[in-house]
Amino acid sequence: MIQQLNAIFRRLPAWPIYVAAVAWFAWLFWLGATFQTGPEPIRALEHSLGDIAIQTFIAVLAITPLRRYAGLNLLKFRRALGLSVFFFVAMHLGVWLFLDVQIAGQIWADIIKRPFITVGMAGFGALVPLALSSNDWSVRRMGAAAWRKLHRLTYAAAILAAIHNVMVQKVWELESLVYLGLIAGLLALRLPRRRPVGQRSRA
C-alpha cells in the first residue's frame, strides 16, 4: 500500500501547492472584505492566517517522520509546503502591519513591549533565510552540508511559531496547546535513533 502511494505521489507535481496557498489567502481576504467573518474582520483574517501557517508548518515537520517510520515519501512537496508557510506568515504579518496597527511608532513599541509579538517576529526572522535559500541555486552555492545546517533554523522557527500561537491567546486554548504538542512531538521524532550499547561497541 505504501509503495503504491509513493508511486502516486511521485507522479504528482508540487506546483498546485503554491496555487492553493495563494487561493486560500485570496478566499480568506474576500471573506474579511465582505464582512463574512464577524464584527472584527481584520483580527479574524490575522487569526485565520496564523492558524493555516502553523497547520502547514506541522505538515512540513511531519514529512521526515512519515518517511522514517511509515515509509511514506513526501519529500518532493516539502519545499512547496515550506514556502507556503513563509507566505502565510508574511501575509499574517502584513495584515497586522498595514491593516491593523498602521502606525510605525506603535509597531516598534509593540514588538519591544509585547512578548508574544517579540516571539512572533523572531520566528518570522528565522523563516526569512530559509525562504530565500529554498532553491536549487542556493544549495549549489552554499554546498549541501552548509545548506542543511542553515535549514535547521526550521526547528527554531517552528517552536517560536507554536509559542507565539499559545501566547497570543487571552486564555489557555486547547487548539494552540495541541499545535505546540504536535510540533514538539514531531521534532522529537526527528532526533537520531540511538543504537543499543552492545551494538555501538561492536561497530
N, C-alpha and C. Protein backbone atom coordinates (compact mmCIF):
# COMPACT_ATOMS: atom_id res chain seq x y z
N MET A 1 0.83 -1.21 0.00
CA MET A 1 0.00 0.00 0.00
C MET A 1 0.86 1.27 0.00
N ILE A 2 1.89 1.29 0.86
CA ILE A 2 2.78 2.44 0.93
C ILE A 2 3.50 2.65 -0.39
N GLN A 3 3.97 1.55 -0.99
CA GLN A 3 4.66 1.67 -2.27
C GLN A 3 3.75 2.22 -3.35
N GLN A 4 2.48 1.82 -3.32
CA GLN A 4 1.53 2.34 -4.29
C GLN A 4 1.30 3.84 -4.09
N LEU A 5 1.19 4.25 -2.81
CA LEU A 5 1.02 5.68 -2.52
C LEU A 5 2.25 6.47 -2.97
N ASN A 6 3.43 5.93 -2.70
CA ASN A 6 4.66 6.62 -3.11
C ASN A 6 4.73 6.76 -4.63
N ALA A 7 4.28 5.73 -5.34
CA ALA A 7 4.26 5.81 -6.80
C ALA A 7 3.30 6.89 -7.28
N ILE A 8 2.16 7.03 -6.61
CA ILE A 8 1.21 8.08 -6.97
C ILE A 8 1.80 9.46 -6.71
N PHE A 9 2.42 9.61 -5.51
CA PHE A 9 2.98 10.91 -5.15
C PHE A 9 4.13 11.31 -6.07
N ARG A 10 4.89 10.33 -6.56
CA ARG A 10 5.99 10.65 -7.47
C ARG A 10 5.47 11.26 -8.77
N ARG A 11 4.27 10.90 -9.15
CA ARG A 11 3.70 11.42 -10.41
C ARG A 11 3.02 12.78 -10.23
N LEU A 12 2.75 13.14 -8.99
CA LEU A 12 2.05 14.40 -8.74
C LEU A 12 3.03 15.57 -8.71
N PRO A 13 2.72 16.68 -9.34
CA PRO A 13 3.59 17.87 -9.28
C PRO A 13 3.40 18.60 -7.95
N ALA A 14 4.37 19.42 -7.60
CA ALA A 14 4.29 20.19 -6.35
C ALA A 14 3.67 21.57 -6.56
N TRP A 15 3.66 22.06 -7.80
CA TRP A 15 3.23 23.44 -8.02
C TRP A 15 1.78 23.74 -7.60
N PRO A 16 0.84 22.77 -7.62
CA PRO A 16 -0.51 23.13 -7.16
C PRO A 16 -0.55 23.59 -5.70
N ILE A 17 0.47 23.24 -4.91
CA ILE A 17 0.50 23.71 -3.52
C ILE A 17 0.62 25.22 -3.47
N TYR A 18 1.45 25.79 -4.36
CA TYR A 18 1.59 27.24 -4.41
C TYR A 18 0.27 27.90 -4.81
N VAL A 19 -0.38 27.32 -5.80
CA VAL A 19 -1.66 27.87 -6.25
C VAL A 19 -2.68 27.81 -5.12
N ALA A 20 -2.71 26.69 -4.41
CA ALA A 20 -3.66 26.52 -3.32
C ALA A 20 -3.40 27.53 -2.20
N ALA A 21 -2.12 27.80 -1.91
CA ALA A 21 -1.79 28.76 -0.85
C ALA A 21 -2.29 30.16 -1.20
N VAL A 22 -2.02 30.60 -2.43
CA VAL A 22 -2.47 31.92 -2.85
C VAL A 22 -4.00 31.98 -2.90
N ALA A 23 -4.62 30.92 -3.41
CA ALA A 23 -6.08 30.89 -3.50
C ALA A 23 -6.72 30.92 -2.11
N TRP A 24 -6.10 30.23 -1.16
CA TRP A 24 -6.65 30.20 0.20
C TRP A 24 -6.56 31.57 0.84
N PHE A 25 -5.42 32.26 0.63
CA PHE A 25 -5.30 33.63 1.15
C PHE A 25 -6.34 34.54 0.50
N ALA A 26 -6.50 34.43 -0.81
CA ALA A 26 -7.47 35.28 -1.51
C ALA A 26 -8.88 35.04 -0.98
N TRP A 27 -9.20 33.77 -0.70
CA TRP A 27 -10.52 33.43 -0.17
C TRP A 27 -10.72 34.03 1.22
N LEU A 28 -9.72 33.91 2.09
CA LEU A 28 -9.82 34.49 3.43
C LEU A 28 -9.95 36.00 3.37
N PHE A 29 -9.17 36.63 2.47
CA PHE A 29 -9.24 38.08 2.33
C PHE A 29 -10.62 38.52 1.84
N TRP A 30 -11.17 37.75 0.89
CA TRP A 30 -12.51 38.07 0.37
C TRP A 30 -13.55 37.95 1.47
N LEU A 31 -13.45 36.92 2.29
CA LEU A 31 -14.41 36.77 3.39
C LEU A 31 -14.34 37.95 4.35
N GLY A 32 -13.11 38.40 4.64
CA GLY A 32 -12.97 39.55 5.52
C GLY A 32 -13.47 40.83 4.88
N ALA A 33 -13.13 41.03 3.60
CA ALA A 33 -13.52 42.26 2.90
C ALA A 33 -15.03 42.38 2.75
N THR A 34 -15.71 41.25 2.71
CA THR A 34 -17.17 41.26 2.57
C THR A 34 -17.88 41.05 3.91
N PHE A 35 -17.11 41.20 5.01
CA PHE A 35 -17.66 41.16 6.37
C PHE A 35 -18.41 39.86 6.68
N GLN A 36 -17.82 38.75 6.20
CA GLN A 36 -18.42 37.44 6.47
C GLN A 36 -17.70 36.72 7.62
N THR A 37 -16.80 37.41 8.28
CA THR A 37 -16.03 36.77 9.35
C THR A 37 -16.29 37.37 10.73
N GLY A 38 -17.41 38.09 10.87
CA GLY A 38 -17.75 38.64 12.17
C GLY A 38 -17.48 40.13 12.25
N PRO A 39 -17.63 40.69 13.45
CA PRO A 39 -17.52 42.15 13.61
C PRO A 39 -16.10 42.69 13.51
N GLU A 40 -15.08 41.84 13.61
CA GLU A 40 -13.68 42.28 13.52
C GLU A 40 -12.98 41.51 12.41
N PRO A 41 -13.23 41.87 11.16
CA PRO A 41 -12.69 41.09 10.02
C PRO A 41 -11.16 41.07 9.96
N ILE A 42 -10.51 42.16 10.37
CA ILE A 42 -9.04 42.20 10.32
C ILE A 42 -8.46 41.21 11.32
N ARG A 43 -8.97 41.23 12.54
CA ARG A 43 -8.50 40.28 13.56
C ARG A 43 -8.79 38.84 13.13
N ALA A 44 -9.96 38.63 12.52
CA ALA A 44 -10.31 37.29 12.06
C ALA A 44 -9.36 36.82 10.97
N LEU A 45 -8.97 37.74 10.07
CA LEU A 45 -8.03 37.39 9.00
C LEU A 45 -6.66 37.08 9.58
N GLU A 46 -6.19 37.88 10.53
CA GLU A 46 -4.93 37.59 11.21
C GLU A 46 -4.95 36.21 11.83
N HIS A 47 -6.02 35.90 12.55
CA HIS A 47 -6.14 34.62 13.25
C HIS A 47 -6.16 33.46 12.26
N SER A 48 -6.93 33.60 11.18
CA SER A 48 -7.03 32.52 10.19
C SER A 48 -5.70 32.27 9.51
N LEU A 49 -4.98 33.34 9.18
CA LEU A 49 -3.68 33.18 8.54
C LEU A 49 -2.67 32.55 9.49
N GLY A 50 -2.73 32.93 10.77
CA GLY A 50 -1.86 32.30 11.75
C GLY A 50 -2.13 30.82 11.89
N ASP A 51 -3.42 30.46 11.89
CA ASP A 51 -3.79 29.04 12.01
C ASP A 51 -3.31 28.23 10.81
N ILE A 52 -3.55 28.72 9.60
CA ILE A 52 -3.16 27.95 8.42
C ILE A 52 -1.64 27.87 8.31
N ALA A 53 -0.94 28.91 8.78
CA ALA A 53 0.53 28.88 8.77
C ALA A 53 1.05 27.77 9.68
N ILE A 54 0.53 27.69 10.89
CA ILE A 54 1.05 26.69 11.82
C ILE A 54 0.59 25.28 11.43
N GLN A 55 -0.58 25.16 10.85
CA GLN A 55 -1.03 23.85 10.36
C GLN A 55 -0.15 23.36 9.21
N THR A 56 0.22 24.29 8.32
CA THR A 56 1.11 23.91 7.22
C THR A 56 2.50 23.59 7.74
N PHE A 57 2.94 24.31 8.77
CA PHE A 57 4.23 24.03 9.39
C PHE A 57 4.25 22.61 9.96
N ILE A 58 3.17 22.21 10.58
CA ILE A 58 3.07 20.85 11.12
C ILE A 58 3.17 19.83 10.00
N ALA A 59 2.53 20.12 8.86
CA ALA A 59 2.64 19.21 7.70
C ALA A 59 4.08 19.09 7.23
N VAL A 60 4.82 20.21 7.22
CA VAL A 60 6.23 20.17 6.81
C VAL A 60 7.03 19.29 7.76
N LEU A 61 6.84 19.49 9.06
CA LEU A 61 7.61 18.74 10.05
C LEU A 61 7.25 17.26 10.06
N ALA A 62 6.06 16.92 9.58
CA ALA A 62 5.63 15.51 9.57
C ALA A 62 6.26 14.71 8.45
N ILE A 63 6.84 15.38 7.46
CA ILE A 63 7.33 14.67 6.27
C ILE A 63 8.46 13.70 6.61
N THR A 64 9.45 14.16 7.37
CA THR A 64 10.57 13.27 7.71
C THR A 64 10.15 12.10 8.59
N PRO A 65 9.38 12.31 9.67
CA PRO A 65 8.92 11.16 10.46
C PRO A 65 8.06 10.18 9.66
N LEU A 66 7.23 10.69 8.75
CA LEU A 66 6.42 9.80 7.93
C LEU A 66 7.30 8.91 7.05
N ARG A 67 8.38 9.49 6.54
CA ARG A 67 9.29 8.69 5.72
C ARG A 67 10.06 7.70 6.58
N ARG A 68 10.51 8.14 7.75
CA ARG A 68 11.36 7.30 8.60
C ARG A 68 10.58 6.13 9.20
N TYR A 69 9.37 6.41 9.67
CA TYR A 69 8.64 5.40 10.43
C TYR A 69 7.53 4.70 9.64
N ALA A 70 7.04 5.34 8.57
CA ALA A 70 5.96 4.73 7.80
C ALA A 70 6.37 4.41 6.37
N GLY A 71 7.52 4.91 5.94
CA GLY A 71 7.97 4.66 4.57
C GLY A 71 7.27 5.50 3.53
N LEU A 72 6.50 6.51 3.97
CA LEU A 72 5.76 7.36 3.04
C LEU A 72 6.66 8.52 2.61
N ASN A 73 6.93 8.62 1.33
CA ASN A 73 7.89 9.60 0.82
C ASN A 73 7.17 10.81 0.21
N LEU A 74 7.17 11.91 0.96
CA LEU A 74 6.55 13.15 0.51
C LEU A 74 7.57 14.27 0.37
N LEU A 75 8.83 13.90 0.24
CA LEU A 75 9.91 14.89 0.23
C LEU A 75 9.77 15.90 -0.90
N LYS A 76 9.22 15.50 -2.04
CA LYS A 76 9.13 16.41 -3.18
C LYS A 76 8.19 17.57 -2.91
N PHE A 77 7.34 17.44 -1.88
CA PHE A 77 6.39 18.51 -1.56
C PHE A 77 6.88 19.42 -0.44
N ARG A 78 8.03 19.08 0.16
CA ARG A 78 8.47 19.81 1.35
C ARG A 78 8.80 21.26 1.05
N ARG A 79 9.48 21.52 -0.07
CA ARG A 79 9.84 22.90 -0.40
C ARG A 79 8.59 23.75 -0.62
N ALA A 80 7.64 23.23 -1.37
CA ALA A 80 6.42 23.99 -1.65
C ALA A 80 5.64 24.26 -0.37
N LEU A 81 5.57 23.27 0.51
CA LEU A 81 4.87 23.47 1.77
C LEU A 81 5.62 24.47 2.65
N GLY A 82 6.95 24.36 2.67
CA GLY A 82 7.74 25.29 3.47
C GLY A 82 7.59 26.73 3.00
N LEU A 83 7.62 26.94 1.69
CA LEU A 83 7.43 28.28 1.16
C LEU A 83 6.00 28.78 1.38
N SER A 84 5.06 27.86 1.42
CA SER A 84 3.68 28.24 1.75
C SER A 84 3.58 28.72 3.19
N VAL A 85 4.33 28.06 4.10
CA VAL A 85 4.38 28.54 5.48
C VAL A 85 4.86 29.99 5.52
N PHE A 86 5.96 30.25 4.82
CA PHE A 86 6.50 31.62 4.80
C PHE A 86 5.48 32.59 4.22
N PHE A 87 4.81 32.20 3.16
CA PHE A 87 3.81 33.07 2.54
C PHE A 87 2.70 33.41 3.52
N PHE A 88 2.17 32.40 4.21
CA PHE A 88 1.08 32.65 5.16
C PHE A 88 1.55 33.51 6.33
N VAL A 89 2.76 33.26 6.82
CA VAL A 89 3.28 34.07 7.92
C VAL A 89 3.51 35.51 7.47
N ALA A 90 4.04 35.68 6.25
CA ALA A 90 4.26 37.03 5.72
C ALA A 90 2.94 37.77 5.56
N MET A 91 1.90 37.09 5.09
CA MET A 91 0.59 37.71 4.96
C MET A 91 -0.01 38.01 6.33
N HIS A 92 0.19 37.12 7.28
CA HIS A 92 -0.25 37.34 8.67
C HIS A 92 0.41 38.61 9.22
N LEU A 93 1.72 38.73 9.00
CA LEU A 93 2.44 39.91 9.46
C LEU A 93 1.98 41.15 8.70
N GLY A 94 1.78 41.02 7.39
CA GLY A 94 1.35 42.16 6.59
C GLY A 94 0.00 42.70 7.02
N VAL A 95 -0.92 41.81 7.33
CA VAL A 95 -2.25 42.25 7.80
C VAL A 95 -2.11 43.01 9.11
N TRP A 96 -1.28 42.49 10.00
CA TRP A 96 -1.07 43.18 11.28
C TRP A 96 -0.43 44.55 11.08
N LEU A 97 0.58 44.62 10.20
CA LEU A 97 1.30 45.88 9.98
C LEU A 97 0.45 46.93 9.29
N PHE A 98 -0.20 46.54 8.17
CA PHE A 98 -0.80 47.51 7.27
C PHE A 98 -2.30 47.70 7.46
N LEU A 99 -2.97 46.71 8.05
CA LEU A 99 -4.41 46.83 8.23
C LEU A 99 -4.82 47.01 9.68
N ASP A 100 -4.01 46.46 10.58
CA ASP A 100 -4.37 46.51 12.00
C ASP A 100 -3.71 47.72 12.68
N VAL A 101 -2.39 47.71 12.79
CA VAL A 101 -1.70 48.76 13.56
C VAL A 101 -1.58 50.04 12.75
N GLN A 102 -0.90 49.96 11.60
CA GLN A 102 -0.78 51.07 10.63
C GLN A 102 0.13 52.21 11.07
N ILE A 103 0.49 52.28 12.33
CA ILE A 103 1.31 53.39 12.84
C ILE A 103 2.71 52.85 13.12
N ALA A 104 3.73 53.40 12.43
CA ALA A 104 5.08 52.86 12.53
C ALA A 104 5.59 52.87 13.97
N GLY A 105 5.38 53.96 14.69
CA GLY A 105 5.86 54.04 16.07
C GLY A 105 5.21 53.00 16.96
N GLN A 106 3.94 52.74 16.74
CA GLN A 106 3.22 51.75 17.54
C GLN A 106 3.70 50.34 17.23
N ILE A 107 4.07 50.11 15.96
CA ILE A 107 4.57 48.79 15.57
C ILE A 107 5.83 48.45 16.35
N TRP A 108 6.81 49.38 16.38
CA TRP A 108 8.06 49.12 17.09
C TRP A 108 7.82 49.00 18.58
N ALA A 109 6.92 49.80 19.12
CA ALA A 109 6.61 49.72 20.54
C ALA A 109 6.02 48.36 20.89
N ASP A 110 5.13 47.86 20.03
CA ASP A 110 4.51 46.55 20.27
C ASP A 110 5.55 45.43 20.19
N ILE A 111 6.47 45.51 19.22
CA ILE A 111 7.48 44.46 19.07
C ILE A 111 8.37 44.39 20.32
N ILE A 112 8.69 45.55 20.87
CA ILE A 112 9.59 45.59 22.02
C ILE A 112 8.87 45.25 23.32
N LYS A 113 7.66 45.73 23.49
CA LYS A 113 6.99 45.65 24.79
C LYS A 113 6.05 44.46 24.95
N ARG A 114 5.61 43.87 23.85
CA ARG A 114 4.64 42.78 23.96
C ARG A 114 5.33 41.46 23.60
N PRO A 115 5.55 40.61 24.60
CA PRO A 115 6.37 39.40 24.39
C PRO A 115 5.88 38.49 23.28
N PHE A 116 4.56 38.34 23.12
CA PHE A 116 4.07 37.42 22.09
C PHE A 116 4.40 37.95 20.69
N ILE A 117 4.46 39.28 20.54
CA ILE A 117 4.85 39.85 19.25
C ILE A 117 6.35 39.71 19.05
N THR A 118 7.12 39.89 20.12
CA THR A 118 8.57 39.69 20.04
C THR A 118 8.90 38.28 19.58
N VAL A 119 8.24 37.29 20.18
CA VAL A 119 8.46 35.89 19.81
C VAL A 119 8.04 35.65 18.36
N GLY A 120 6.90 36.21 17.98
CA GLY A 120 6.43 36.04 16.60
C GLY A 120 7.38 36.63 15.59
N MET A 121 7.92 37.82 15.89
CA MET A 121 8.87 38.44 14.96
C MET A 121 10.17 37.65 14.89
N ALA A 122 10.59 37.08 16.01
CA ALA A 122 11.79 36.24 15.99
C ALA A 122 11.57 35.02 15.11
N GLY A 123 10.38 34.42 15.19
CA GLY A 123 10.06 33.29 14.33
C GLY A 123 10.05 33.67 12.87
N PHE A 124 9.49 34.84 12.56
CA PHE A 124 9.49 35.31 11.16
C PHE A 124 10.92 35.55 10.69
N GLY A 125 11.74 36.14 11.56
CA GLY A 125 13.13 36.39 11.20
C GLY A 125 13.88 35.10 10.89
N ALA A 126 13.55 34.03 11.61
CA ALA A 126 14.19 32.73 11.33
C ALA A 126 13.72 32.15 10.00
N LEU A 127 12.50 32.49 9.60
CA LEU A 127 11.96 31.96 8.34
C LEU A 127 12.55 32.64 7.11
N VAL A 128 12.97 33.90 7.25
CA VAL A 128 13.42 34.66 6.08
C VAL A 128 14.59 33.99 5.36
N PRO A 129 15.71 33.64 6.06
CA PRO A 129 16.80 32.98 5.34
C PRO A 129 16.41 31.61 4.79
N LEU A 130 15.47 30.95 5.43
CA LEU A 130 15.00 29.66 4.92
C LEU A 130 14.28 29.84 3.59
N ALA A 131 13.42 30.84 3.53
CA ALA A 131 12.68 31.09 2.29
C ALA A 131 13.62 31.54 1.17
N LEU A 132 14.56 32.42 1.50
CA LEU A 132 15.48 32.95 0.49
C LEU A 132 16.39 31.86 -0.07
N SER A 133 16.68 30.85 0.72
CA SER A 133 17.61 29.79 0.29
C SER A 133 16.90 28.52 -0.17
N SER A 134 15.59 28.57 -0.28
CA SER A 134 14.83 27.38 -0.69
C SER A 134 14.77 27.28 -2.22
N ASN A 135 15.95 27.10 -2.81
CA ASN A 135 16.04 26.95 -4.26
C ASN A 135 17.31 26.18 -4.58
N ASP A 136 17.35 25.59 -5.75
CA ASP A 136 18.49 24.77 -6.15
C ASP A 136 19.78 25.58 -6.25
N TRP A 137 19.66 26.84 -6.68
CA TRP A 137 20.87 27.68 -6.80
C TRP A 137 21.55 27.85 -5.45
N SER A 138 20.76 28.06 -4.39
CA SER A 138 21.33 28.23 -3.06
C SER A 138 22.01 26.96 -2.57
N VAL A 139 21.41 25.81 -2.87
CA VAL A 139 22.03 24.55 -2.47
C VAL A 139 23.39 24.40 -3.13
N ARG A 140 23.46 24.71 -4.44
CA ARG A 140 24.75 24.61 -5.15
C ARG A 140 25.75 25.64 -4.64
N ARG A 141 25.28 26.84 -4.41
CA ARG A 141 26.17 27.92 -3.98
C ARG A 141 26.74 27.67 -2.58
N MET A 142 25.89 27.23 -1.67
CA MET A 142 26.32 27.03 -0.29
C MET A 142 26.99 25.69 -0.06
N GLY A 143 26.62 24.71 -0.87
CA GLY A 143 27.03 23.34 -0.60
C GLY A 143 25.98 22.66 0.25
N ALA A 144 25.77 21.38 0.03
CA ALA A 144 24.67 20.67 0.68
C ALA A 144 24.80 20.69 2.20
N ALA A 145 26.02 20.52 2.72
CA ALA A 145 26.21 20.45 4.17
C ALA A 145 25.85 21.78 4.84
N ALA A 146 26.36 22.89 4.28
CA ALA A 146 26.06 24.21 4.86
C ALA A 146 24.58 24.55 4.71
N TRP A 147 23.99 24.14 3.58
CA TRP A 147 22.57 24.41 3.36
C TRP A 147 21.71 23.67 4.39
N ARG A 148 22.06 22.40 4.65
CA ARG A 148 21.31 21.63 5.65
C ARG A 148 21.47 22.25 7.03
N LYS A 149 22.67 22.73 7.34
CA LYS A 149 22.90 23.35 8.65
C LYS A 149 22.05 24.60 8.81
N LEU A 150 22.00 25.43 7.76
CA LEU A 150 21.17 26.63 7.81
C LEU A 150 19.71 26.28 8.03
N HIS A 151 19.26 25.23 7.37
CA HIS A 151 17.83 24.89 7.42
C HIS A 151 17.42 24.21 8.72
N ARG A 152 18.39 24.05 9.64
CA ARG A 152 18.00 23.65 10.99
C ARG A 152 17.27 24.77 11.72
N LEU A 153 17.35 25.98 11.16
CA LEU A 153 16.55 27.09 11.69
C LEU A 153 15.05 26.76 11.65
N THR A 154 14.69 25.82 10.81
CA THR A 154 13.28 25.39 10.73
C THR A 154 12.77 25.00 12.10
N TYR A 155 13.59 24.29 12.87
CA TYR A 155 13.15 23.80 14.18
C TYR A 155 12.90 24.96 15.13
N ALA A 156 13.82 25.94 15.14
CA ALA A 156 13.63 27.12 15.99
C ALA A 156 12.39 27.90 15.57
N ALA A 157 12.23 28.07 14.25
CA ALA A 157 11.07 28.82 13.75
C ALA A 157 9.76 28.14 14.14
N ALA A 158 9.74 26.81 14.08
CA ALA A 158 8.53 26.07 14.42
C ALA A 158 8.18 26.23 15.89
N ILE A 159 9.18 26.11 16.76
CA ILE A 159 8.93 26.26 18.19
C ILE A 159 8.47 27.68 18.51
N LEU A 160 9.14 28.67 17.92
CA LEU A 160 8.74 30.07 18.15
C LEU A 160 7.32 30.33 17.65
N ALA A 161 6.97 29.75 16.51
CA ALA A 161 5.61 29.92 15.98
C ALA A 161 4.57 29.32 16.93
N ALA A 162 4.88 28.14 17.46
CA ALA A 162 3.94 27.48 18.37
C ALA A 162 3.79 28.26 19.67
N ILE A 163 4.92 28.78 20.20
CA ILE A 163 4.86 29.57 21.43
C ILE A 163 4.09 30.87 21.20
N HIS A 164 4.35 31.51 20.07
CA HIS A 164 3.60 32.73 19.73
C HIS A 164 2.11 32.43 19.66
N ASN A 165 1.76 31.31 19.06
CA ASN A 165 0.35 30.95 18.92
C ASN A 165 -0.31 30.72 20.27
N VAL A 166 0.44 30.19 21.24
CA VAL A 166 -0.10 29.99 22.59
C VAL A 166 -0.21 31.33 23.31
N MET A 167 0.82 32.16 23.19
CA MET A 167 0.86 33.42 23.92
C MET A 167 -0.16 34.44 23.43
N VAL A 168 -0.49 34.37 22.15
CA VAL A 168 -1.40 35.38 21.59
C VAL A 168 -2.82 35.21 22.11
N GLN A 169 -3.15 34.02 22.63
CA GLN A 169 -4.48 33.79 23.16
C GLN A 169 -4.62 34.46 24.53
N LYS A 170 -5.78 34.99 24.80
CA LYS A 170 -6.01 35.63 26.09
C LYS A 170 -6.24 34.61 27.20
N VAL A 171 -6.61 33.42 26.83
CA VAL A 171 -6.78 32.31 27.78
C VAL A 171 -6.08 31.09 27.21
N TRP A 172 -5.85 30.09 28.06
CA TRP A 172 -5.28 28.84 27.57
C TRP A 172 -6.29 28.19 26.63
N GLU A 173 -5.87 27.99 25.39
CA GLU A 173 -6.77 27.45 24.37
C GLU A 173 -6.26 26.08 23.94
N LEU A 174 -7.15 25.10 23.96
CA LEU A 174 -6.75 23.73 23.67
C LEU A 174 -6.11 23.60 22.29
N GLU A 175 -6.67 24.25 21.30
CA GLU A 175 -6.15 24.14 19.93
C GLU A 175 -4.68 24.56 19.86
N SER A 176 -4.36 25.69 20.48
CA SER A 176 -2.98 26.17 20.46
C SER A 176 -2.04 25.22 21.19
N LEU A 177 -2.51 24.66 22.31
CA LEU A 177 -1.69 23.71 23.05
C LEU A 177 -1.48 22.43 22.25
N VAL A 178 -2.49 22.02 21.50
CA VAL A 178 -2.35 20.84 20.64
C VAL A 178 -1.30 21.09 19.57
N TYR A 179 -1.34 22.28 18.96
CA TYR A 179 -0.33 22.61 17.95
C TYR A 179 1.08 22.57 18.56
N LEU A 180 1.23 23.13 19.75
CA LEU A 180 2.53 23.12 20.42
C LEU A 180 2.98 21.69 20.69
N GLY A 181 2.05 20.85 21.17
CA GLY A 181 2.39 19.46 21.44
C GLY A 181 2.76 18.70 20.19
N LEU A 182 2.04 18.93 19.10
CA LEU A 182 2.34 18.26 17.83
C LEU A 182 3.72 18.65 17.31
N ILE A 183 4.03 19.94 17.37
CA ILE A 183 5.33 20.39 16.89
C ILE A 183 6.45 19.82 17.74
N ALA A 184 6.27 19.84 19.07
CA ALA A 184 7.30 19.27 19.95
C ALA A 184 7.47 17.78 19.68
N GLY A 185 6.36 17.07 19.49
CA GLY A 185 6.43 15.63 19.22
C GLY A 185 7.09 15.32 17.90
N LEU A 186 6.76 16.08 16.87
CA LEU A 186 7.36 15.85 15.55
C LEU A 186 8.85 16.16 15.55
N LEU A 187 9.25 17.18 16.29
CA LEU A 187 10.68 17.47 16.40
C LEU A 187 11.40 16.37 17.16
N ALA A 188 10.75 15.82 18.19
CA ALA A 188 11.36 14.73 18.94
C ALA A 188 11.53 13.49 18.06
N LEU A 189 10.59 13.24 17.16
CA LEU A 189 10.70 12.09 16.26
C LEU A 189 11.83 12.24 15.26
N ARG A 190 12.29 13.47 15.06
CA ARG A 190 13.39 13.70 14.11
C ARG A 190 14.76 13.48 14.74
N LEU A 191 14.81 13.31 16.06
CA LEU A 191 16.09 13.08 16.73
C LEU A 191 16.71 11.78 16.25
N PRO A 192 18.03 11.71 16.15
CA PRO A 192 18.69 10.47 15.74
C PRO A 192 18.34 9.33 16.69
N ARG A 193 18.10 8.17 16.12
CA ARG A 193 17.79 7.00 16.94
C ARG A 193 19.08 6.41 17.52
N ARG A 194 19.06 6.15 18.82
CA ARG A 194 20.24 5.58 19.47
C ARG A 194 20.28 4.07 19.27
N ARG A 195 21.46 3.59 18.97
CA ARG A 195 21.63 2.14 18.87
C ARG A 195 21.93 1.57 20.24
N PRO A 196 21.59 0.31 20.49
CA PRO A 196 21.91 -0.30 21.77
C PRO A 196 23.40 -0.23 22.06
N VAL A 197 23.77 -0.20 23.36
CA VAL A 197 25.17 -0.06 23.77
C VAL A 197 26.03 -1.17 23.19
N GLY A 198 25.55 -2.39 23.24
CA GLY A 198 26.31 -3.51 22.73
C GLY A 198 26.55 -3.40 21.24
N GLN A 199 25.55 -2.89 20.52
CA GLN A 199 25.69 -2.74 19.07
C GLN A 199 26.70 -1.67 18.74
N ARG A 200 26.72 -0.55 19.55
CA ARG A 200 27.68 0.50 19.30
C ARG A 200 29.10 0.02 19.54
N SER A 201 29.27 -0.83 20.56
CA SER A 201 30.61 -1.28 20.87
C SER A 201 31.16 -2.22 19.82
N ARG A 202 30.27 -2.93 19.11
CA ARG A 202 30.73 -3.86 18.07
C ARG A 202 31.02 -3.14 16.76
N ALA A 203 30.49 -1.88 16.62
CA ALA A 203 30.65 -1.15 15.36
C ALA A 203 32.10 -0.69 15.18
